[in-house]
Amino acid sequence: MNENIHLEYKSSLKKDYAENYIEIIYDSIKKKYIKIYLYSWKYGTIDLNNGKKEIHKWETEDDSKTGSYLNRNYPIICLNGETKDENIEDGIIEENIKYINTLIIDNDKKIIINNAIKYLKKIKS
């Protein structure tokens, strides 16, 4: 019997470019979240894996230009290192809640998603 529930939802801005992405793996027997991952094209990512939460924000253009000689000539916007910025975390969560509210999903899945978000907010990064 498979006890893990795997939920995965993605909205796209264009082909191969995600706007929001949510992945949750929930152990329905142990009532435990194994993985929670939220992505926002605007703010960054939140990744909860094995009880550890990491928040990463997108670099600014200035951030991408600093660093190596190659970066100054061919800047790309990447994820910065880990951040503790609560505004970034709130933005990622809000964008994904807005997205989830546009989906037609059954009540059990909505409960798992909403509880996952509440759980994420409780954990210190």
N, C-alpha and C. Protein backbone atom coordinates (compact mmCIF):
# COMPACT_ATOMS: atom_id res chain seq x y z
N MET A 1 0.84 -1.19 0.00
CA MET A 1 0.00 0.00 0.00
C MET A 1 0.88 1.25 0.00
N ASN A 2 0.61 2.16 -0.91
CA ASN A 2 1.38 3.41 -0.99
C ASN A 2 0.80 4.41 -0.02
N GLU A 3 1.60 4.80 0.95
CA GLU A 3 1.13 5.74 1.96
C GLU A 3 1.43 7.19 1.61
N ASN A 4 2.26 7.41 0.59
CA ASN A 4 2.64 8.77 0.21
C ASN A 4 1.68 9.34 -0.83
N ILE A 5 1.26 10.57 -0.56
CA ILE A 5 0.45 11.32 -1.51
C ILE A 5 1.36 12.36 -2.14
N HIS A 6 1.46 12.34 -3.46
CA HIS A 6 2.34 13.26 -4.17
C HIS A 6 1.46 14.25 -4.95
N LEU A 7 1.52 15.51 -4.56
CA LEU A 7 0.78 16.57 -5.24
C LEU A 7 1.76 17.46 -5.97
N GLU A 8 1.44 17.79 -7.21
CA GLU A 8 2.33 18.62 -8.02
C GLU A 8 1.48 19.47 -8.96
N TYR A 9 1.69 20.79 -8.89
CA TYR A 9 0.94 21.74 -9.72
C TYR A 9 1.88 22.80 -10.24
N LYS A 10 1.68 23.19 -11.51
CA LYS A 10 2.55 24.20 -12.11
C LYS A 10 1.75 25.09 -13.04
N SER A 11 1.96 26.39 -12.91
CA SER A 11 1.43 27.34 -13.89
C SER A 11 2.62 27.88 -14.67
N SER A 12 2.42 28.10 -15.96
CA SER A 12 3.52 28.53 -16.81
C SER A 12 3.27 29.94 -17.35
N LEU A 13 4.34 30.70 -17.42
CA LEU A 13 4.29 32.01 -18.08
C LEU A 13 4.40 31.81 -19.59
N LYS A 14 5.26 30.88 -19.98
CA LYS A 14 5.42 30.49 -21.37
C LYS A 14 6.05 29.10 -21.36
N LYS A 15 6.22 28.52 -22.53
CA LYS A 15 6.76 27.17 -22.62
C LYS A 15 8.11 27.09 -21.88
N ASP A 16 8.23 26.10 -21.04
CA ASP A 16 9.46 25.84 -20.28
C ASP A 16 9.83 26.95 -19.30
N TYR A 17 8.86 27.78 -18.89
CA TYR A 17 9.14 28.83 -17.92
C TYR A 17 7.98 28.89 -16.92
N ALA A 18 8.22 28.40 -15.71
CA ALA A 18 7.17 28.32 -14.70
C ALA A 18 6.92 29.67 -14.03
N GLU A 19 5.67 29.90 -13.73
CA GLU A 19 5.28 31.07 -12.95
C GLU A 19 5.23 30.68 -11.47
N ASN A 20 4.49 29.63 -11.19
CA ASN A 20 4.40 29.07 -9.84
C ASN A 20 4.47 27.56 -9.95
N TYR A 21 5.04 26.94 -8.92
CA TYR A 21 5.14 25.49 -8.91
C TYR A 21 5.06 25.03 -7.47
N ILE A 22 4.26 24.01 -7.25
CA ILE A 22 4.08 23.46 -5.91
C ILE A 22 4.28 21.95 -5.99
N GLU A 23 5.09 21.44 -5.08
CA GLU A 23 5.23 19.99 -4.97
C GLU A 23 5.18 19.64 -3.48
N ILE A 24 4.31 18.70 -3.16
CA ILE A 24 4.15 18.25 -1.79
C ILE A 24 4.12 16.73 -1.78
N ILE A 25 4.91 16.16 -0.89
CA ILE A 25 4.84 14.72 -0.65
C ILE A 25 4.43 14.54 0.81
N TYR A 26 3.29 13.89 1.00
CA TYR A 26 2.69 13.76 2.32
C TYR A 26 2.50 12.29 2.65
N ASP A 27 3.00 11.87 3.81
CA ASP A 27 2.81 10.51 4.28
C ASP A 27 1.47 10.45 5.02
N SER A 28 0.48 9.83 4.39
CA SER A 28 -0.87 9.82 4.94
C SER A 28 -1.01 8.88 6.14
N ILE A 29 -0.13 7.93 6.28
CA ILE A 29 -0.17 7.02 7.42
C ILE A 29 0.42 7.70 8.66
N LYS A 30 1.61 8.27 8.52
CA LYS A 30 2.29 8.93 9.63
C LYS A 30 1.82 10.37 9.83
N LYS A 31 1.00 10.87 8.90
CA LYS A 31 0.51 12.27 8.95
C LYS A 31 1.68 13.24 9.03
N LYS A 32 2.61 13.08 8.07
CA LYS A 32 3.86 13.85 8.09
C LYS A 32 4.19 14.32 6.68
N TYR A 33 4.69 15.56 6.59
CA TYR A 33 5.15 16.09 5.31
C TYR A 33 6.59 15.66 5.07
N ILE A 34 6.81 14.98 3.97
CA ILE A 34 8.15 14.54 3.62
C ILE A 34 8.86 15.64 2.83
N LYS A 35 8.11 16.28 1.94
CA LYS A 35 8.69 17.35 1.12
C LYS A 35 7.62 18.40 0.83
N ILE A 36 8.02 19.66 0.93
CA ILE A 36 7.18 20.79 0.49
C ILE A 36 8.10 21.70 -0.30
N TYR A 37 7.72 22.00 -1.52
CA TYR A 37 8.53 22.89 -2.37
C TYR A 37 7.60 23.89 -3.03
N LEU A 38 7.88 25.17 -2.84
CA LEU A 38 7.13 26.25 -3.48
C LEU A 38 8.08 27.09 -4.30
N TYR A 39 7.66 27.40 -5.53
CA TYR A 39 8.48 28.20 -6.45
C TYR A 39 7.64 29.39 -6.92
N SER A 40 8.25 30.54 -6.97
CA SER A 40 7.63 31.74 -7.52
C SER A 40 8.63 32.42 -8.44
N TRP A 41 8.21 32.70 -9.67
CA TRP A 41 9.10 33.38 -10.63
C TRP A 41 9.46 34.77 -10.13
N LYS A 42 8.62 35.32 -9.27
CA LYS A 42 8.79 36.69 -8.81
C LYS A 42 9.68 36.81 -7.58
N TYR A 43 9.61 35.82 -6.68
CA TYR A 43 10.30 35.93 -5.39
C TYR A 43 11.42 34.93 -5.17
N GLY A 44 11.21 33.67 -5.48
CA GLY A 44 12.23 32.65 -5.24
C GLY A 44 11.60 31.31 -4.90
N THR A 45 12.25 30.57 -3.99
CA THR A 45 11.79 29.23 -3.64
C THR A 45 11.82 29.00 -2.13
N ILE A 46 10.95 28.11 -1.70
CA ILE A 46 10.98 27.58 -0.34
C ILE A 46 11.05 26.07 -0.50
N ASP A 47 12.00 25.46 0.18
CA ASP A 47 12.17 24.02 0.09
C ASP A 47 12.24 23.45 1.50
N LEU A 48 11.29 22.60 1.83
CA LEU A 48 11.30 21.89 3.10
C LEU A 48 11.58 20.43 2.80
N ASN A 49 12.72 19.96 3.25
CA ASN A 49 13.13 18.59 3.01
C ASN A 49 13.67 18.02 4.31
N ASN A 50 13.10 16.92 4.76
CA ASN A 50 13.51 16.29 6.02
C ASN A 50 13.48 17.27 7.19
N GLY A 51 12.45 18.09 7.26
CA GLY A 51 12.26 19.01 8.37
C GLY A 51 13.08 20.29 8.34
N LYS A 52 13.93 20.47 7.33
CA LYS A 52 14.76 21.67 7.23
C LYS A 52 14.21 22.58 6.13
N LYS A 53 13.95 23.84 6.48
CA LYS A 53 13.39 24.80 5.52
C LYS A 53 14.49 25.72 5.01
N GLU A 54 14.55 25.85 3.69
CA GLU A 54 15.48 26.79 3.05
C GLU A 54 14.68 27.72 2.15
N ILE A 55 14.98 29.01 2.25
CA ILE A 55 14.35 30.02 1.41
C ILE A 55 15.44 30.67 0.56
N HIS A 56 15.21 30.74 -0.73
CA HIS A 56 16.15 31.38 -1.64
C HIS A 56 15.41 32.45 -2.43
N LYS A 57 16.04 33.61 -2.62
CA LYS A 57 15.43 34.68 -3.40
C LYS A 57 16.18 34.84 -4.72
N TRP A 58 15.50 35.44 -5.68
CA TRP A 58 16.15 35.72 -6.96
C TRP A 58 17.13 36.87 -6.81
N GLU A 59 18.23 36.79 -7.53
CA GLU A 59 19.20 37.88 -7.56
C GLU A 59 18.58 39.11 -8.23
N THR A 60 19.11 40.26 -7.90
CA THR A 60 18.78 41.47 -8.65
C THR A 60 19.74 41.54 -9.84
N GLU A 61 19.49 42.45 -10.76
CA GLU A 61 20.40 42.62 -11.89
C GLU A 61 21.80 43.01 -11.41
N ASP A 62 21.87 43.88 -10.40
CA ASP A 62 23.17 44.28 -9.86
C ASP A 62 23.90 43.09 -9.24
N ASP A 63 23.15 42.24 -8.53
CA ASP A 63 23.77 41.04 -7.96
C ASP A 63 24.38 40.17 -9.05
N SER A 64 23.66 40.02 -10.16
CA SER A 64 24.14 39.13 -11.22
C SER A 64 25.37 39.69 -11.93
N LYS A 65 25.54 41.02 -11.91
CA LYS A 65 26.69 41.63 -12.58
C LYS A 65 27.97 41.58 -11.75
N THR A 66 27.81 41.45 -10.43
CA THR A 66 28.99 41.35 -9.59
C THR A 66 29.51 39.92 -9.64
N GLY A 67 30.72 39.73 -9.26
CA GLY A 67 31.28 38.37 -9.27
C GLY A 67 32.35 38.24 -10.32
N SER A 68 32.30 37.17 -11.07
CA SER A 68 33.37 36.87 -12.02
C SER A 68 33.30 37.76 -13.26
N TYR A 69 34.40 37.78 -13.99
CA TYR A 69 34.48 38.51 -15.26
C TYR A 69 33.41 38.01 -16.23
N LEU A 70 33.20 36.71 -16.26
CA LEU A 70 32.21 36.13 -17.16
C LEU A 70 30.80 36.63 -16.82
N ASN A 71 30.49 36.70 -15.52
CA ASN A 71 29.17 37.18 -15.11
C ASN A 71 28.94 38.63 -15.53
N ARG A 72 29.97 39.45 -15.51
CA ARG A 72 29.81 40.85 -15.88
C ARG A 72 29.47 41.00 -17.36
N ASN A 73 29.96 40.09 -18.18
CA ASN A 73 29.70 40.16 -19.62
C ASN A 73 28.44 39.41 -20.03
N TYR A 74 28.10 38.38 -19.31
CA TYR A 74 26.93 37.56 -19.63
C TYR A 74 26.09 37.35 -18.38
N PRO A 75 25.50 38.42 -17.85
CA PRO A 75 24.76 38.26 -16.60
C PRO A 75 23.48 37.45 -16.79
N ILE A 76 23.24 36.58 -15.85
CA ILE A 76 21.97 35.86 -15.79
C ILE A 76 21.46 36.01 -14.36
N ILE A 77 20.15 35.96 -14.22
CA ILE A 77 19.55 36.07 -12.90
C ILE A 77 19.38 34.65 -12.36
N CYS A 78 19.99 34.39 -11.20
CA CYS A 78 19.93 33.07 -10.58
C CYS A 78 19.38 33.21 -9.16
N LEU A 79 19.21 32.08 -8.50
CA LEU A 79 18.83 32.12 -7.10
C LEU A 79 20.04 32.50 -6.27
N ASN A 80 19.83 33.43 -5.35
CA ASN A 80 20.86 33.79 -4.40
C ASN A 80 20.97 32.70 -3.36
N GLY A 81 21.89 32.86 -2.45
CA GLY A 81 22.02 31.92 -1.34
C GLY A 81 20.80 31.98 -0.45
N GLU A 82 20.84 31.23 0.58
CA GLU A 82 19.73 31.15 1.52
C GLU A 82 19.47 32.52 2.15
N THR A 83 18.19 32.82 2.38
CA THR A 83 17.80 34.08 3.00
C THR A 83 16.87 33.82 4.17
N LYS A 84 16.83 34.75 5.09
CA LYS A 84 15.90 34.69 6.23
C LYS A 84 14.81 35.75 6.08
N ASP A 85 14.75 36.39 4.91
CA ASP A 85 13.83 37.49 4.65
C ASP A 85 12.38 37.00 4.67
N GLU A 86 11.63 37.42 5.68
CA GLU A 86 10.24 36.99 5.82
C GLU A 86 9.35 37.53 4.70
N ASN A 87 9.72 38.70 4.14
CA ASN A 87 8.93 39.25 3.03
C ASN A 87 9.03 38.36 1.79
N ILE A 88 10.21 37.80 1.55
CA ILE A 88 10.39 36.87 0.43
C ILE A 88 9.54 35.63 0.67
N GLU A 89 9.63 35.08 1.87
CA GLU A 89 8.83 33.89 2.21
C GLU A 89 7.34 34.17 2.04
N ASP A 90 6.87 35.29 2.58
CA ASP A 90 5.45 35.64 2.46
C ASP A 90 5.03 35.80 1.00
N GLY A 91 5.90 36.42 0.19
CA GLY A 91 5.60 36.60 -1.23
C GLY A 91 5.47 35.29 -1.97
N ILE A 92 6.38 34.37 -1.71
CA ILE A 92 6.33 33.05 -2.35
C ILE A 92 5.04 32.34 -1.97
N ILE A 93 4.72 32.36 -0.69
CA ILE A 93 3.51 31.69 -0.21
C ILE A 93 2.26 32.34 -0.80
N GLU A 94 2.18 33.67 -0.77
CA GLU A 94 0.99 34.36 -1.30
C GLU A 94 0.77 34.08 -2.78
N GLU A 95 1.85 34.11 -3.57
CA GLU A 95 1.73 33.84 -5.00
C GLU A 95 1.21 32.42 -5.25
N ASN A 96 1.69 31.47 -4.48
CA ASN A 96 1.25 30.09 -4.66
C ASN A 96 -0.16 29.85 -4.15
N ILE A 97 -0.57 30.55 -3.09
CA ILE A 97 -1.96 30.46 -2.62
C ILE A 97 -2.90 31.00 -3.69
N LYS A 98 -2.55 32.14 -4.29
CA LYS A 98 -3.37 32.70 -5.37
C LYS A 98 -3.52 31.69 -6.50
N TYR A 99 -2.41 31.04 -6.86
CA TYR A 99 -2.43 30.05 -7.93
C TYR A 99 -3.31 28.85 -7.56
N ILE A 100 -3.13 28.31 -6.37
CA ILE A 100 -3.91 27.15 -5.93
C ILE A 100 -5.40 27.47 -5.93
N ASN A 101 -5.76 28.69 -5.57
CA ASN A 101 -7.17 29.08 -5.54
C ASN A 101 -7.81 29.12 -6.93
N THR A 102 -7.00 29.10 -7.98
CA THR A 102 -7.54 29.07 -9.34
C THR A 102 -7.81 27.65 -9.83
N LEU A 103 -7.30 26.67 -9.10
CA LEU A 103 -7.42 25.27 -9.53
C LEU A 103 -8.71 24.63 -9.02
N ILE A 104 -9.18 23.66 -9.76
CA ILE A 104 -10.30 22.86 -9.31
C ILE A 104 -9.71 21.54 -8.81
N ILE A 105 -9.59 21.44 -7.49
CA ILE A 105 -9.04 20.23 -6.88
C ILE A 105 -9.96 19.80 -5.75
N ASP A 106 -9.91 18.50 -5.42
CA ASP A 106 -10.81 17.99 -4.39
C ASP A 106 -10.43 18.51 -3.01
N ASN A 107 -11.38 18.44 -2.10
CA ASN A 107 -11.24 19.02 -0.77
C ASN A 107 -10.09 18.40 0.02
N ASP A 108 -9.87 17.08 -0.11
CA ASP A 108 -8.78 16.43 0.62
C ASP A 108 -7.43 17.00 0.21
N LYS A 109 -7.25 17.24 -1.07
CA LYS A 109 -5.98 17.81 -1.55
C LYS A 109 -5.82 19.25 -1.08
N LYS A 110 -6.92 20.01 -1.08
CA LYS A 110 -6.85 21.40 -0.58
C LYS A 110 -6.44 21.43 0.88
N ILE A 111 -6.96 20.50 1.66
CA ILE A 111 -6.62 20.43 3.08
C ILE A 111 -5.13 20.13 3.26
N ILE A 112 -4.61 19.17 2.47
CA ILE A 112 -3.18 18.83 2.55
C ILE A 112 -2.33 20.05 2.19
N ILE A 113 -2.71 20.78 1.14
CA ILE A 113 -1.95 21.96 0.70
C ILE A 113 -2.02 23.07 1.76
N ASN A 114 -3.22 23.37 2.23
CA ASN A 114 -3.37 24.44 3.23
C ASN A 114 -2.62 24.11 4.52
N ASN A 115 -2.67 22.86 4.95
CA ASN A 115 -1.93 22.46 6.15
C ASN A 115 -0.42 22.49 5.92
N ALA A 116 0.00 22.18 4.71
CA ALA A 116 1.43 22.25 4.37
C ALA A 116 1.92 23.69 4.49
N ILE A 117 1.14 24.63 4.01
CA ILE A 117 1.52 26.04 4.08
C ILE A 117 1.56 26.52 5.54
N LYS A 118 0.57 26.12 6.33
CA LYS A 118 0.57 26.47 7.76
C LYS A 118 1.81 25.88 8.45
N TYR A 119 2.12 24.65 8.10
CA TYR A 119 3.30 23.98 8.67
C TYR A 119 4.58 24.70 8.29
N LEU A 120 4.69 25.10 7.01
CA LEU A 120 5.88 25.85 6.55
C LEU A 120 6.08 27.13 7.35
N LYS A 121 4.98 27.84 7.59
CA LYS A 121 5.08 29.12 8.30
C LYS A 121 5.57 28.97 9.73
N LYS A 122 5.30 27.82 10.33
CA LYS A 122 5.70 27.59 11.73
C LYS A 122 7.19 27.30 11.88
N ILE A 123 7.80 26.76 10.83
CA ILE A 123 9.19 26.33 10.90
C ILE A 123 10.12 27.52 10.67
N LYS A 124 11.09 27.66 11.54
CA LYS A 124 12.11 28.71 11.38
C LYS A 124 13.12 28.25 10.34
N SER A 125 13.53 29.19 9.48
CA SER A 125 14.53 28.82 8.46
C SER A 125 15.93 29.08 8.97
